[in-house]
Protein backbone atom coordinates (compact mmCIF):
# COMPACT_ATOMS: atom_id res chain seq x y z
CA UNK A 1 8.00 15.62 -11.99
CA UNK A 2 8.70 13.14 -9.22
CA UNK A 3 12.04 11.83 -8.11
CA UNK A 4 13.04 9.92 -5.09
CA UNK A 5 16.72 9.41 -5.43
CA UNK A 6 18.25 6.77 -3.42
CA UNK A 7 21.94 6.10 -3.11
CA UNK A 8 21.19 2.83 -1.45
CA UNK A 9 23.85 1.18 0.79
CA UNK A 10 22.00 -1.22 2.82
CA UNK A 11 21.93 -0.82 6.23
CA UNK A 12 18.73 -2.28 5.10
CA UNK A 13 17.17 -4.41 2.48
CA UNK A 14 13.44 -4.76 2.32
CA UNK A 15 11.71 -8.11 2.43
CA UNK A 16 8.58 -6.83 0.67
CA UNK A 17 8.40 -7.36 -2.90
CA UNK A 18 8.01 -6.91 -6.55
CA UNK A 19 5.79 -5.99 -9.46
CA UNK A 20 4.37 -7.79 -12.45
CA UNK A 21 6.82 -8.94 -15.15
CA UNK A 22 4.42 -9.84 -17.94
CA UNK A 23 7.15 -10.75 -20.46
CA UNK A 24 8.42 -13.62 -18.31
CA UNK A 25 6.68 -16.88 -18.96
CA UNK A 26 7.46 -19.38 -16.17
CA UNK A 27 6.02 -19.33 -12.66
CA UNK A 28 8.99 -19.63 -10.28
CA UNK A 29 12.01 -17.40 -9.62
CA UNK A 30 15.06 -19.01 -11.16
CA UNK A 31 18.68 -18.44 -10.30
CA UNK A 32 20.43 -16.59 -13.12
CA UNK A 33 24.07 -15.79 -13.85
CA UNK A 34 26.23 -14.40 -11.10
CA UNK A 35 24.34 -11.26 -10.19
CA UNK A 36 20.80 -12.22 -9.21
CA UNK A 37 17.59 -14.07 -9.96
CA UNK A 38 15.11 -13.98 -12.79
CA UNK A 39 11.68 -13.47 -11.19
CA UNK A 40 8.78 -14.83 -13.17
CA UNK A 41 5.22 -13.53 -13.39
CA UNK A 42 2.61 -15.46 -11.46
CA UNK A 43 -0.82 -13.81 -11.48
CA UNK A 44 -3.01 -14.64 -8.48
CA UNK A 45 -6.28 -13.45 -6.95
CA UNK A 46 -6.04 -12.06 -3.46
CA UNK A 47 -6.97 -9.32 -1.01
CA UNK A 48 -4.90 -6.39 0.17
CA UNK A 49 -5.40 -4.28 3.29
CA UNK A 50 -3.01 -1.70 4.60
CA UNK A 51 -2.44 1.44 6.66
CA UNK A 52 -1.11 4.79 5.40
CA UNK A 53 0.60 7.10 7.91
CA UNK A 54 2.53 10.35 7.85
CA UNK A 55 6.01 11.17 9.19
CA UNK A 56 4.48 11.59 12.69
CA UNK A 57 2.82 8.16 12.50
CA UNK A 58 -0.62 9.77 12.22
CA UNK A 59 -3.20 8.18 9.92
CA UNK A 60 -3.51 9.71 6.44
CA UNK A 61 -7.20 9.88 5.51
CA UNK A 62 -8.50 10.45 1.96
CA UNK A 63 -5.38 9.17 0.17
CA UNK A 64 -5.83 7.64 -3.27
CA UNK A 65 -4.63 3.98 -3.31
CA UNK A 66 -4.19 2.07 -6.60
CA UNK A 67 -3.44 -1.58 -7.35
CA UNK A 68 -3.40 -2.15 -11.10
CA UNK A 69 -6.73 -0.88 -12.49
CA UNK A 70 -8.28 -0.83 -9.03
CA UNK A 71 -8.63 2.41 -7.03
CA UNK A 72 -9.82 3.21 -3.53
CA UNK A 73 -9.25 5.79 -0.76
CA UNK A 74 -8.10 5.50 2.84
CA UNK A 75 -10.61 6.01 5.65
CA UNK A 76 -10.24 8.20 8.72
CA UNK A 77 -7.87 5.56 10.26
CA UNK A 78 -5.65 5.53 7.21
CA UNK A 79 -6.93 2.06 6.28
CA UNK A 80 -7.77 0.71 2.86
CA UNK A 81 -8.74 -2.65 1.44
CA UNK A 82 -9.02 -4.35 -1.97
CA UNK A 83 -11.02 -7.58 -2.29
CA UNK A 84 -10.40 -10.29 -4.83
CA UNK A 85 -8.11 -8.39 -7.21
CA UNK A 86 -5.37 -9.59 -9.51
CA UNK A 87 -1.92 -9.44 -7.92
CA UNK A 88 1.45 -11.00 -8.66
CA UNK A 89 2.90 -13.59 -6.24
CA UNK A 90 6.40 -12.20 -6.52
CA UNK A 91 5.77 -8.63 -7.67
CA UNK A 92 2.56 -6.87 -6.51
CA UNK A 93 2.65 -3.05 -6.32
CA UNK A 94 0.50 -0.50 -4.49
CA UNK A 95 0.74 3.26 -5.09
CA UNK A 96 -0.54 6.02 -2.79
CA UNK A 97 -1.13 9.67 -3.61
CA UNK A 98 -2.18 12.50 -1.26
CA UNK A 99 -1.84 16.25 -1.64
CA UNK A 100 1.13 17.55 0.33
CA UNK A 101 3.11 14.30 0.06
CA UNK A 102 5.38 12.64 -2.42
CA UNK A 103 3.86 9.63 -4.20
CA UNK A 104 4.26 6.42 -2.27
CA UNK A 105 5.07 2.98 -3.72
CA UNK A 106 5.01 -0.41 -2.03
CA UNK A 107 6.11 -3.57 -3.77
CA UNK A 108 5.55 -6.93 -2.08
CA UNK A 109 5.18 -10.67 -2.55
CA UNK A 110 1.46 -11.48 -2.50
CA UNK A 111 -0.38 -14.57 -1.25
CA UNK A 112 -3.33 -16.05 -3.12
CA UNK A 113 -6.78 -16.19 -1.51
CA UNK A 114 -5.53 -14.52 1.67
CA UNK A 115 -5.46 -10.96 2.94
CA UNK A 116 -2.04 -9.38 2.33
CA UNK A 117 -0.97 -6.43 4.55
CA UNK A 118 1.26 -3.43 3.90
CA UNK A 119 2.14 -0.33 5.87
CA UNK A 120 3.40 2.78 4.13
CA UNK A 121 4.72 6.05 5.54
CA UNK A 122 4.28 9.04 3.17
CA UNK A 123 7.06 11.65 2.85
CA UNK A 124 5.92 15.28 3.23
CA UNK A 125 6.55 17.50 0.17
CA UNK A 126 8.47 20.59 1.20
CA UNK A 127 9.37 23.59 -1.08
CA UNK A 128 13.16 23.90 -0.94
CA UNK A 129 13.62 26.74 -3.42
CA UNK A 130 13.06 27.97 -7.02
CA UNK A 131 15.33 27.97 -10.09
CA UNK A 132 14.98 30.07 -13.24
CA UNK A 133 14.32 27.62 -16.10
CA UNK A 134 16.27 29.75 -18.66
CA UNK A 135 19.35 30.34 -16.52
CA UNK A 136 19.35 27.04 -14.72
CA UNK A 137 20.89 26.68 -11.28
CA UNK A 138 20.97 24.75 -8.00
CA UNK A 139 19.11 24.37 -4.75
CA UNK A 140 20.50 22.63 -1.61
CA UNK A 141 18.87 20.73 1.19
CA UNK A 142 19.81 21.07 4.92
CA UNK A 143 22.23 18.11 4.74
CA UNK A 144 23.94 19.65 1.66
CA UNK A 145 22.32 17.34 -0.89
CA UNK A 146 21.88 19.33 -4.10
CA UNK A 147 19.66 19.40 -7.22
CA UNK A 148 21.13 21.24 -10.25
CA UNK A 149 19.09 21.98 -13.39
CA UNK A 150 20.57 22.85 -16.79
CA UNK A 151 20.03 26.14 -18.56
CA UNK A 152 16.97 26.04 -20.89
CA UNK A 153 16.60 22.36 -20.08
CA UNK A 154 13.11 22.05 -18.60
CA UNK A 155 9.87 21.04 -20.32
CA UNK A 156 6.25 20.59 -19.34
CA UNK A 157 5.89 16.88 -18.56
CA UNK A 158 2.43 16.44 -20.17
CA UNK A 159 3.32 17.83 -23.65
CA UNK A 160 7.20 18.20 -23.76
CA UNK A 161 6.78 21.89 -24.55
CA UNK A 162 9.71 24.14 -23.47
CA UNK A 163 9.20 25.82 -20.10
CA UNK A 164 10.69 29.25 -19.36
CA UNK A 165 9.28 30.32 -15.98
CA UNK A 166 10.32 29.73 -12.37
CA UNK A 167 10.78 26.07 -11.37
CA UNK A 168 9.64 25.18 -7.87
CA UNK A 169 11.78 22.44 -6.37
CA UNK A 170 10.21 20.25 -3.71
CA UNK A 171 12.53 17.87 -1.95
CA UNK A 172 13.15 15.79 1.20
CA UNK A 173 16.05 13.86 2.59
CA UNK A 174 15.29 10.22 3.41
CA UNK A 175 17.87 8.58 5.71
CA UNK A 176 18.45 4.93 4.72
CA UNK A 177 19.77 4.21 8.22
CA UNK A 178 16.55 5.34 9.95
CA UNK A 179 14.54 2.83 11.94
CA UNK A 180 11.44 3.42 9.83
CA UNK A 181 13.05 3.17 6.37
CA UNK A 182 11.16 -0.03 5.60
CA UNK A 183 7.93 1.93 5.74
CA UNK A 184 9.22 4.86 3.67
CA UNK A 185 11.35 3.50 0.83
CA UNK A 186 9.66 3.71 -2.62
CA UNK A 187 8.71 0.24 -3.78
CA UNK A 188 11.28 -1.84 -1.95
CA UNK A 189 15.04 -2.24 -1.94
CA UNK A 190 14.83 -4.50 -5.03
CA UNK A 191 15.70 -3.86 -8.61
CA UNK A 192 16.25 -5.34 -12.02
CA UNK A 193 19.83 -5.03 -13.28
CA UNK A 194 21.12 -4.68 -16.85
CA UNK A 195 20.87 -8.46 -17.29
CA UNK A 196 17.22 -8.54 -16.17
CA UNK A 197 18.19 -10.27 -12.90
CA UNK A 198 16.29 -9.44 -9.72
CA UNK A 199 18.73 -8.07 -7.18
CA UNK A 200 18.77 -6.65 -3.68
CA UNK A 201 20.08 -3.09 -3.37
CA UNK A 202 22.23 -1.54 -0.66
CA UNK A 203 21.89 2.14 0.05
CA UNK A 204 24.13 5.15 0.77
CA UNK A 205 21.45 7.87 0.89
CA UNK A 206 18.07 8.94 -0.57
CA UNK A 207 16.28 12.02 -1.88
CA UNK A 208 12.67 12.81 -2.82
CA UNK A 209 12.39 15.49 -5.52
CA UNK A 210 9.54 16.99 -7.46
CA UNK A 211 9.53 19.96 -9.84
CA UNK A 212 6.53 22.18 -10.55
CA UNK A 213 5.83 25.24 -12.73
CA UNK A 214 4.15 28.49 -11.75
CA UNK A 215 0.71 27.02 -12.36
CA UNK A 216 1.40 23.76 -10.63
CA UNK A 217 2.18 21.84 -13.81
CA UNK A 218 4.57 18.88 -13.52
CA UNK A 219 7.94 19.49 -15.25
CA UNK A 220 10.62 17.25 -16.73
CA UNK A 221 14.17 17.44 -18.12
CA UNK A 222 14.26 18.15 -21.88
CA UNK A 223 15.47 15.52 -24.28
CA UNK A 224 19.23 15.79 -24.77
CA UNK A 225 19.75 17.57 -21.44
CA UNK A 226 20.85 16.23 -18.07
CA UNK A 227 20.40 17.33 -14.45
CA UNK A 228 22.92 16.73 -11.69
CA UNK A 229 22.02 15.12 -8.39
CA UNK A 230 24.16 15.12 -5.26
CA UNK A 231 23.34 12.77 -2.44
CA UNK A 232 24.95 13.34 0.96
CA UNK A 233 26.11 9.95 2.34
CA UNK A 234 25.03 9.39 6.05
CA UNK A 235 28.10 9.63 8.30
CA UNK A 236 27.92 6.01 9.45
CA UNK A 237 28.15 4.73 5.83
CA UNK A 238 30.99 6.89 4.43
CA UNK A 239 33.87 4.58 5.29
CA UNK A 240 32.42 1.70 3.29
CA UNK A 241 31.03 3.71 0.32
CA UNK A 242 32.67 2.62 -2.94
CA UNK A 243 34.33 5.15 -5.31
CA UNK A 244 31.70 4.66 -8.04
CA UNK A 245 28.24 3.17 -7.81
CA UNK A 246 25.46 2.25 -10.24
CA UNK A 247 22.53 4.62 -10.60
CA UNK A 248 18.99 3.20 -10.60
CA UNK A 249 15.61 4.80 -11.47
CA UNK A 250 12.29 3.46 -10.41
CA UNK A 251 9.84 2.03 -12.90
CA UNK A 252 6.71 3.92 -12.00
CA UNK A 253 4.50 1.08 -13.32
CA UNK A 254 6.10 -1.88 -11.57
CA UNK A 255 7.67 -0.02 -8.60
CA UNK A 256 11.02 -1.81 -9.24
CA UNK A 257 14.36 -0.05 -9.56
CA UNK A 258 16.19 -0.44 -12.90
CA UNK A 259 19.93 0.11 -13.48
CA UNK A 260 20.71 3.32 -15.42
CA UNK A 261 24.05 5.12 -15.31
CA UNK A 262 26.44 5.66 -12.44
CA UNK A 263 27.54 8.19 -9.76
CA UNK A 264 30.93 9.17 -8.45
CA UNK A 265 31.94 9.65 -4.77
CA UNK A 266 33.17 12.97 -3.49
CA UNK A 267 34.33 13.56 0.12
CA UNK A 268 30.98 12.83 1.70
CA UNK A 269 28.57 12.59 -1.22
CA UNK A 270 27.70 10.89 -4.44
CA UNK A 271 27.08 12.91 -7.63
CA UNK A 272 25.72 11.79 -11.01
CA UNK A 273 23.87 13.04 -14.12
CA UNK A 274 20.30 11.96 -14.89
CA UNK A 275 18.40 12.43 -18.15
CA UNK A 276 14.92 12.29 -16.68
CA UNK A 277 13.32 12.68 -13.30
CA UNK A 278 11.72 9.66 -11.78
CA UNK A 279 12.82 8.23 -8.44
CA UNK A 280 16.64 7.70 -8.45
CA UNK A 281 19.19 5.97 -6.30
CA UNK A 282 22.84 4.84 -6.43
CA UNK A 283 23.17 1.24 -5.18
CA UNK A 284 25.33 -1.84 -4.96
CA UNK A 285 23.44 -5.03 -5.81
CA UNK A 286 23.57 -8.52 -4.34
CA UNK A 287 22.50 -11.96 -5.55
CA UNK A 288 19.15 -13.25 -4.28
CA UNK A 289 16.99 -16.34 -3.77
CA UNK A 290 13.30 -16.50 -2.90
CA UNK A 291 12.48 -17.39 0.75
CA UNK A 292 9.02 -17.97 2.14
CA UNK A 293 7.57 -19.25 5.41
CA UNK A 294 4.34 -19.33 7.47
CA UNK A 295 4.48 -17.94 11.01
CA UNK A 296 1.93 -19.33 13.50
CA UNK A 297 1.39 -19.73 17.29
CA UNK A 298 -0.19 -22.78 18.94
CA UNK A 299 -3.55 -20.96 18.59
CA UNK A 300 -3.35 -20.20 14.88
CA UNK A 301 -1.80 -17.89 12.22
CA UNK A 302 0.16 -14.86 13.28
CA UNK A 303 -1.21 -12.33 10.82
CA UNK A 304 -0.06 -8.81 9.88
CA UNK A 305 3.12 -8.90 11.99
CA UNK A 306 6.49 -7.66 10.80
CA UNK A 307 9.19 -10.25 10.17
CA UNK A 308 12.84 -9.14 10.13
CA UNK A 309 15.85 -10.94 8.58
CA UNK A 310 19.31 -9.64 9.50
CA UNK A 311 22.46 -10.40 7.47
CA UNK A 312 25.93 -10.95 8.99
CA UNK A 313 26.93 -7.37 7.98
CA UNK A 314 24.02 -5.97 9.96
CA UNK A 315 21.77 -5.17 7.03
CA UNK A 316 18.14 -6.13 7.54
CA UNK A 317 15.08 -6.97 5.43
CA UNK A 318 11.49 -6.74 6.40
CA UNK A 319 8.08 -8.09 5.48
CA UNK A 320 4.54 -8.46 6.85
CA UNK A 321 2.71 -11.75 7.20
CA UNK A 322 -0.68 -12.10 5.47
CA UNK A 323 -3.90 -13.27 7.14
CA UNK A 324 -2.66 -16.90 7.04
CA UNK A 325 0.74 -15.99 8.58
CA UNK A 326 2.58 -16.34 5.26
CA UNK A 327 5.43 -14.09 4.25
CA UNK A 328 7.99 -14.33 1.43
CA UNK A 329 10.42 -12.51 -0.89
CA UNK A 330 13.89 -12.11 -2.22
CA UNK A 331 16.74 -12.48 0.38
CA UNK A 332 20.54 -12.60 0.01
CA UNK A 333 21.99 -15.80 -1.38
CA UNK A 334 24.39 -17.98 0.62
CA UNK A 335 24.26 -15.92 3.82
CA UNK A 336 23.27 -17.02 7.36
CA UNK A 337 20.33 -14.92 8.55
CA UNK A 338 18.69 -14.07 11.91
CA UNK A 339 14.93 -14.23 11.78
CA UNK A 340 12.93 -12.05 14.19
CA UNK A 341 9.21 -11.48 14.70
CA UNK A 342 8.50 -7.91 15.80
CA UNK A 343 5.67 -6.29 17.72
CA UNK A 344 4.07 -2.97 16.76
CA UNK A 345 6.94 -1.09 18.38
CA UNK A 346 9.52 -2.99 16.31
CA UNK A 347 10.71 -4.96 19.34
CA UNK A 348 11.78 -8.58 18.78
CA UNK A 349 9.41 -11.03 20.46
CA UNK A 350 10.85 -14.15 18.74
CA UNK A 351 14.30 -14.97 17.32
CA UNK A 352 15.66 -17.86 15.29
CA UNK A 353 18.75 -18.50 13.10
CA UNK A 354 17.99 -19.58 9.51
CA UNK A 355 20.07 -20.18 6.32
CA UNK A 356 22.26 -19.95 4.40
CA UNK A 357 20.17 -20.61 1.26
CA UNK A 358 21.63 -21.36 -2.16
CA UNK A 359 18.26 -22.02 -3.90
CA UNK A 360 14.67 -20.90 -3.53
CA UNK A 361 13.42 -22.26 -0.20
CA UNK A 362 10.12 -22.68 1.66
CA UNK A 363 10.77 -23.04 5.39
CA UNK A 364 7.23 -24.36 5.92
CA UNK A 365 5.44 -23.56 9.15
CA UNK A 366 7.35 -22.00 12.02
CA UNK A 367 5.57 -22.14 15.33
CA UNK A 368 6.54 -19.37 17.71
CA UNK A 369 5.80 -18.89 21.39
CA UNK A 370 5.11 -15.30 22.25
CA UNK A 371 5.52 -13.66 25.67
CA UNK A 372 2.00 -13.10 27.19
CA UNK A 373 2.81 -9.41 27.82
CA UNK A 374 3.24 -8.88 24.13
CA UNK A 375 0.17 -10.58 22.79
CA UNK A 376 -3.63 -10.46 22.84
CA UNK A 377 -5.54 -13.51 21.70
CA UNK A 378 -9.23 -13.11 20.78
CA UNK A 379 -11.21 -16.33 20.37
CA UNK A 380 -14.87 -17.13 19.96
CA UNK A 381 -17.54 -18.93 17.97
CA UNK A 382 -20.07 -17.84 15.39
CA UNK A 383 -23.54 -19.28 14.92
CA UNK A 384 -26.08 -18.83 12.12
CA UNK A 385 -29.79 -18.12 12.16
CA UNK A 386 -30.49 -21.70 13.19
CA UNK A 387 -28.08 -21.36 16.12
CA UNK A 388 -25.72 -23.81 14.37
CA UNK A 389 -21.97 -23.23 13.88
CA UNK A 390 -21.25 -21.18 10.77
CA UNK A 391 -19.24 -23.47 8.39
CA UNK A 392 -17.90 -20.66 6.20
CA UNK A 393 -17.69 -17.08 7.43
CA UNK A 394 -15.48 -14.37 8.75
CA UNK A 395 -15.25 -11.87 11.60
CA UNK A 396 -14.31 -8.21 11.18
CA UNK A 397 -12.28 -7.18 14.23
CA UNK A 398 -11.51 -3.56 15.00
CA UNK A 399 -8.82 -2.87 17.58
CA UNK A 400 -6.52 0.16 18.06
CA UNK A 401 -7.32 1.65 14.64
CA UNK A 402 -6.56 -1.58 12.78
CA UNK A 403 -9.02 -3.84 10.93
CA UNK A 404 -8.42 -7.59 11.08
CA UNK A 405 -10.38 -9.99 8.89
CA UNK A 406 -10.28 -13.48 10.33
CA UNK A 407 -11.93 -16.53 8.71
CA UNK A 408 -14.45 -18.63 10.64
CA UNK A 409 -14.00 -22.38 10.21
CA UNK A 410 -16.56 -24.88 11.61
CA UNK A 411 -17.98 -22.13 13.75
CA UNK A 412 -14.74 -21.02 15.49
CA UNK A 413 -12.24 -18.22 15.07
CA UNK A 414 -8.98 -17.19 16.70
CA UNK A 415 -6.92 -14.00 16.24
CA UNK A 416 -3.54 -13.26 17.86
CA UNK A 417 -2.45 -9.57 17.94
CA UNK A 418 1.11 -8.53 18.89
CA UNK A 419 1.28 -5.39 21.06
CA UNK A 420 3.95 -3.25 22.67
CA UNK A 421 1.86 -2.05 25.62
CA UNK A 422 -0.69 -3.52 28.04
CA UNK A 423 -3.14 -0.61 27.93
CA UNK A 424 -6.82 -1.49 27.62
CA UNK A 425 -8.57 -0.90 24.37
CA UNK A 426 -12.07 -1.48 22.95
CA UNK A 427 -12.62 -4.50 20.64
CA UNK A 428 -15.48 -4.45 18.15
CA UNK A 429 -16.48 -7.55 16.16
CA UNK A 430 -18.97 -8.09 13.39
CA UNK A 431 -19.64 -11.76 12.45
CA UNK A 432 -20.54 -12.70 8.87
CA UNK A 433 -22.10 -15.94 7.51
CA UNK A 434 -20.87 -16.29 3.93
CA UNK A 435 -23.22 -19.19 3.20
CA UNK A 436 -26.48 -17.50 4.18
CA UNK A 437 -25.28 -13.95 3.47
CA UNK A 438 -26.24 -12.84 7.00
CA UNK A 439 -24.33 -10.85 9.64
CA UNK A 440 -24.61 -9.57 13.17
CA UNK A 441 -27.37 -6.99 13.89
CA UNK A 442 -24.83 -4.93 15.92
CA UNK A 443 -21.13 -5.33 16.70
CA UNK A 444 -19.97 -7.38 19.71
CA UNK A 445 -17.98 -5.06 21.93
CA UNK A 446 -15.57 -5.65 24.82
CA UNK A 447 -12.38 -4.50 26.50
CA UNK A 448 -8.98 -6.13 26.20
CA UNK A 449 -5.27 -5.61 26.92
CA UNK A 450 -3.10 -8.73 26.81
CA UNK A 451 -3.64 -12.47 27.41
CA UNK A 452 -6.77 -14.17 26.07
CA UNK A 453 -10.35 -13.12 25.86
CA UNK A 454 -13.22 -15.34 24.66
CA UNK A 455 -16.18 -13.61 23.11
CA UNK A 456 -18.42 -16.59 23.55
CA UNK A 457 -20.95 -17.20 20.79
CA UNK A 458 -21.60 -14.31 18.36
CA UNK A 459 -24.66 -14.48 16.16
CA UNK A 460 -24.20 -13.88 12.39
CA UNK A 461 -27.90 -13.42 11.89
CA UNK A 462 -30.57 -10.74 11.58
CA UNK A 463 -29.18 -8.56 8.82
CA UNK A 464 -28.29 -9.37 5.21
CA UNK A 465 -24.54 -9.16 4.69
CA UNK A 466 -24.93 -8.36 0.97
CA UNK A 467 -23.92 -4.91 -0.25
CA UNK A 468 -25.38 -3.75 -3.56
CA UNK A 469 -25.48 -0.78 -5.93
CA UNK A 470 -28.25 -0.76 -8.55
CA UNK A 471 -27.70 2.05 -11.01
CA UNK A 472 -28.70 3.26 -14.48
CA UNK A 473 -27.08 5.44 -17.09
CA UNK A 474 -29.38 6.92 -19.74
CA UNK A 475 -31.98 4.24 -18.96
CA UNK A 476 -29.64 1.29 -19.12
CA UNK A 477 -29.66 -0.65 -15.86
CA UNK A 478 -26.66 -2.19 -14.08
CA UNK A 479 -26.40 -4.11 -10.81
CA UNK A 480 -23.41 -4.76 -8.56
CA UNK A 481 -23.59 -7.10 -5.60
CA UNK A 482 -21.18 -8.67 -3.16
CA UNK A 483 -23.14 -11.86 -3.63
CA UNK A 484 -21.90 -11.91 -7.26
CA UNK A 485 -18.38 -13.36 -7.70
CA UNK A 486 -16.05 -10.70 -9.15
CA UNK A 487 -18.11 -7.72 -7.84
CA UNK A 488 -16.44 -5.40 -5.34
CA UNK A 489 -18.18 -2.71 -3.32
CA UNK A 490 -16.48 -0.57 -0.68
CA UNK A 491 -17.20 2.30 1.65
CA UNK A 492 -14.69 4.87 2.87
CA UNK A 493 -15.30 7.74 5.23
CA UNK A 494 -13.31 10.79 6.30
CA UNK A 495 -13.37 12.30 9.73
CA UNK A 496 -11.81 12.22 13.14
CA UNK A 497 -12.63 8.59 14.00
CA UNK A 498 -14.44 5.49 12.80
CA UNK A 499 -17.66 6.71 14.53
CA UNK A 500 -17.41 10.39 13.65
CA UNK A 501 -17.25 10.60 9.87
CA UNK A 502 -17.58 13.88 7.99
CA UNK A 503 -17.75 12.54 4.42
CA UNK A 504 -18.78 9.40 2.57
CA UNK A 505 -17.24 7.72 -0.50
CA UNK A 506 -18.65 4.57 -2.09
CA UNK A 507 -16.99 2.51 -4.85
CA UNK A 508 -18.26 -0.44 -6.86
CA UNK A 509 -16.94 -2.31 -9.91
CA UNK A 510 -17.01 -5.65 -11.70
CA UNK A 511 -13.60 -7.22 -12.26
CA UNK A 512 -14.53 -8.85 -15.56
CA UNK A 513 -16.07 -5.66 -17.01
CA UNK A 514 -13.75 -2.64 -16.71
CA UNK A 515 -16.49 -0.21 -17.87
CA UNK A 516 -19.00 -1.41 -15.27
CA UNK A 517 -18.24 0.72 -12.25
CA UNK A 518 -19.57 3.58 -10.21
CA UNK A 519 -18.05 5.75 -7.45
CA UNK A 520 -19.45 8.82 -5.71
CA UNK A 521 -18.42 11.14 -2.88
CA UNK A 522 -20.40 13.49 -0.67
CA UNK A 523 -19.48 15.63 2.33
CA UNK A 524 -22.41 14.18 4.18
CA UNK A 525 -22.12 11.37 6.72
CA UNK A 526 -25.55 11.06 8.30
CA UNK A 527 -29.16 10.55 7.35
CA UNK A 528 -30.26 13.44 5.15
CA UNK A 529 -29.92 15.00 1.66
CA UNK A 530 -26.53 16.22 0.56
CA UNK A 531 -24.93 17.45 -2.71
CA UNK A 532 -22.87 15.02 -4.69
CA UNK A 533 -19.30 16.37 -4.90
CA UNK A 534 -17.77 13.78 -7.22
CA UNK A 535 -19.17 11.04 -9.42
CA UNK A 536 -17.65 8.60 -11.89
CA UNK A 537 -19.66 5.97 -13.72
CA UNK A 538 -18.73 3.37 -16.40
CA UNK A 539 -16.64 5.01 -19.09
CA UNK A 540 -17.42 8.55 -17.86
CA UNK A 541 -14.58 8.88 -15.39
CA UNK A 542 -13.83 12.55 -16.23
CA UNK A 543 -17.41 13.84 -16.27
CA UNK A 544 -18.53 16.96 -14.49
CA UNK A 545 -21.63 17.14 -12.27
CA UNK A 546 -24.65 19.16 -13.34
CA UNK A 547 -25.86 21.05 -10.30
CA UNK A 548 -28.13 20.29 -8.46
CA UNK A 549 -27.26 16.60 -8.02
CA UNK A 550 -28.19 15.24 -4.60
CA UNK A 551 -27.79 12.05 -2.67
CA UNK A 552 -30.49 10.94 -0.20
CA UNK A 553 -29.03 8.90 2.69
CA UNK A 554 -31.85 7.02 4.44
CA UNK A 555 -29.79 4.85 6.80
CA UNK A 556 -26.30 5.46 8.23
CA UNK A 557 -25.31 2.52 10.41
CA UNK A 558 -22.47 2.04 12.86
CA UNK A 559 -19.19 0.51 11.63
CA UNK A 560 -19.98 -3.01 10.45
CA UNK A 561 -23.63 -2.05 9.67
CA UNK A 562 -25.00 -0.48 6.49
CA UNK A 563 -25.45 2.82 4.66
CA UNK A 564 -28.52 2.99 2.42
CA UNK A 565 -29.84 5.62 0.07
CA UNK A 566 -30.34 6.82 -3.47
CA UNK A 567 -29.20 9.46 -5.89
CA UNK A 568 -30.33 10.97 -9.13
CA UNK A 569 -29.05 13.68 -11.47
CA UNK A 570 -27.06 14.52 -14.58
CA UNK A 571 -23.37 14.51 -15.56
CA UNK A 572 -21.64 16.12 -18.52
CA UNK A 573 -18.92 14.16 -20.36
CA UNK A 574 -15.78 15.57 -21.90
CA UNK A 575 -17.59 15.91 -25.23
CA UNK A 576 -20.16 18.11 -23.52
CA UNK A 577 -22.94 15.50 -23.74
CA UNK A 578 -25.46 15.12 -20.91
CA UNK A 579 -26.16 11.76 -19.26
CA UNK A 580 -28.82 10.81 -16.72
CA UNK A 581 -27.60 8.84 -13.74
CA UNK A 582 -29.62 7.20 -10.91
CA UNK A 583 -28.72 4.72 -8.20
CA UNK A 584 -29.97 2.97 -5.08
CA UNK A 585 -27.39 1.45 -2.74
CA UNK A 586 -26.83 -0.57 0.45
CA UNK A 587 -23.15 -0.70 1.44
CA UNK A 588 -21.51 -2.01 4.64
CA UNK A 589 -19.77 0.72 6.64
CA UNK A 590 -16.20 -0.39 7.48
C-alpha cells in the first residue's frame, strides 16, 4: 500500500501538469466558480523523454516507466523516451517504479508533435518499523511525523482478506520547502476540488508511506476502519499554517490530487484520519488560469530548460520547455509573477516580470539573451546520400548524460544547452534523414564547453535508419518497423555508461493494435549467444520462458548504431499452454 501524504503549504507550486479527464468534453480550460478552473481533455500525439534520478542525483537505471498503455525502462543514464504516443495537452501523466523506491508520478502539460521533457527524483523506501495488525499501533519518523494503524484494521490489498501478521511500515519525510521539491512531489501541486475545479495546492509538509506484509504483499486499511496520519510542519511554515486544512489523496490513474476530508493543527503538526492508503496531503487551494509561452534565443528554441514563476508571497512554480521551447500549465489567477529561466544548477540566467492574468493567456514567443558562460550552442548541417541538404531529418545529440533530439530543417540544425559549469565534455551526434531512412555510419564526435561550436557538414548516409522486429507466434507472422506510422521500437541497456552496457532490453509495439507487441530482456550486451531472461509477446504478457531459450546477437553497434540478431524458443502461458516464438531484429542503440 502506497501513500505519499502531503500537507501542502506552498512554498512551492509546480508548473508541470495534469492528467486525462475523459468525462470533460471541450478542449480549453475554462474559468469556473470562485475556487478554480475546469480543465478539459485534449488528446494529442507527442513524444516524451526524461531523466530519472535518486536522492543523490545519480541516474536510476532499469526503472519501469509508464505513460497510459505504453511501458519502457530507463537506460544506464536514467533516460527514457516514448515516441508518438497519446498524451493530454493539459493533463499528461508519467509513472515510474523501481525496487527500493516509492512509486514516482509526474503530471505535466504536453505539447503536440514535439518532444516533452520531465525530470523525476525517486524517494528511497526505508523501513521505519513494524506494527502488529491485530493490536494496532504507531510508528514515528525522525521529525516526529507518525503513522497509526487501527486494531484488526488491515487487509491484503489484492483480495481484501483480513491480515493478522506483522505490518512493515516504510516511510520517508519529504520537505516541501526543499530546493528539489519540484523534482520529487508526486504528480504536481495541482488537484481537483469538490466542485471539480482544477486548483493549485499549497503545502505544509509531506510523507511517503507504504505497508507490506511478512511475505511482501501490499496491505490496505479495512473497509469501515481509519488510520491516523500526523505530518510535522516545517519550522518556517508553522506561523502561517491554518487551524484546519483540507485533506487530499492522489488519484493513482491521473496523478491529480482530489479533495477528501480534513486535518487539524496541533502545536507543530497536522493530524487527520484516512480511510484508505494512497498518497495523501493537507493543502490550501488557489484559483488558477492556464498560462503558456515559448522560450527561444536568437539562434532557436531553448529546449529542456527549467522555467520558474514566483508569486508575490514567495511561492514558486516550475516547468520544463519541450523541444520547441514551449512550456505551459496552471498558474495563480490575478497575481503578478516573476519569470526566470534556470540553468542545470537552478541558477537564474534570465528574469522578466509577467502578469497578472485573469484569463487563460498565451504569452507567445519570448526571446531571451543568455550569458555566454552559461550556454553551449551546437550548430551544423546535414546532407543526404546525394550530398544535398536533408529537408526533413533530425540529429541525436548526446552530451553530459542527456539525449537531445533536434530537428533538421532545410539541412541545418541548432541546439542551445544551458550549463552551470565551463568544463569540457564530449559531444556525440548521429544524423538521420527521415525522407530516405538513412543515417550516419558512425557518430560525429567533438569536445565542447561553452560558446558556440559548428560541426560542419554531417552525412546522414550509409546506414539504413529503420529499426524493425519481425516475429512469429505459433506460425503467425508479425512485422514492426519504424518506417510504419504508429510503430514504436526502442532499445534500453543497463550498465555503468552508455558505452559499457551489461544488459539489453528491446521493446516494440503498434499503437493501433494493443495486442501486437513484443519485448525481451537478456543479460548480454555484446555479440554472442545469451539466455533470454524475460519475454512478453502479444497477449501473452504473463508467460513464463521454457528453458533453454536463447538470443543470438550478431551485431552490437555503438550508441546511435544498431543491434541485430535473432531468437527462438517456447513460452508457457498462464493456462499452461505452450507457444512457439521466433524473431529477427535490427534496433538502433540509444
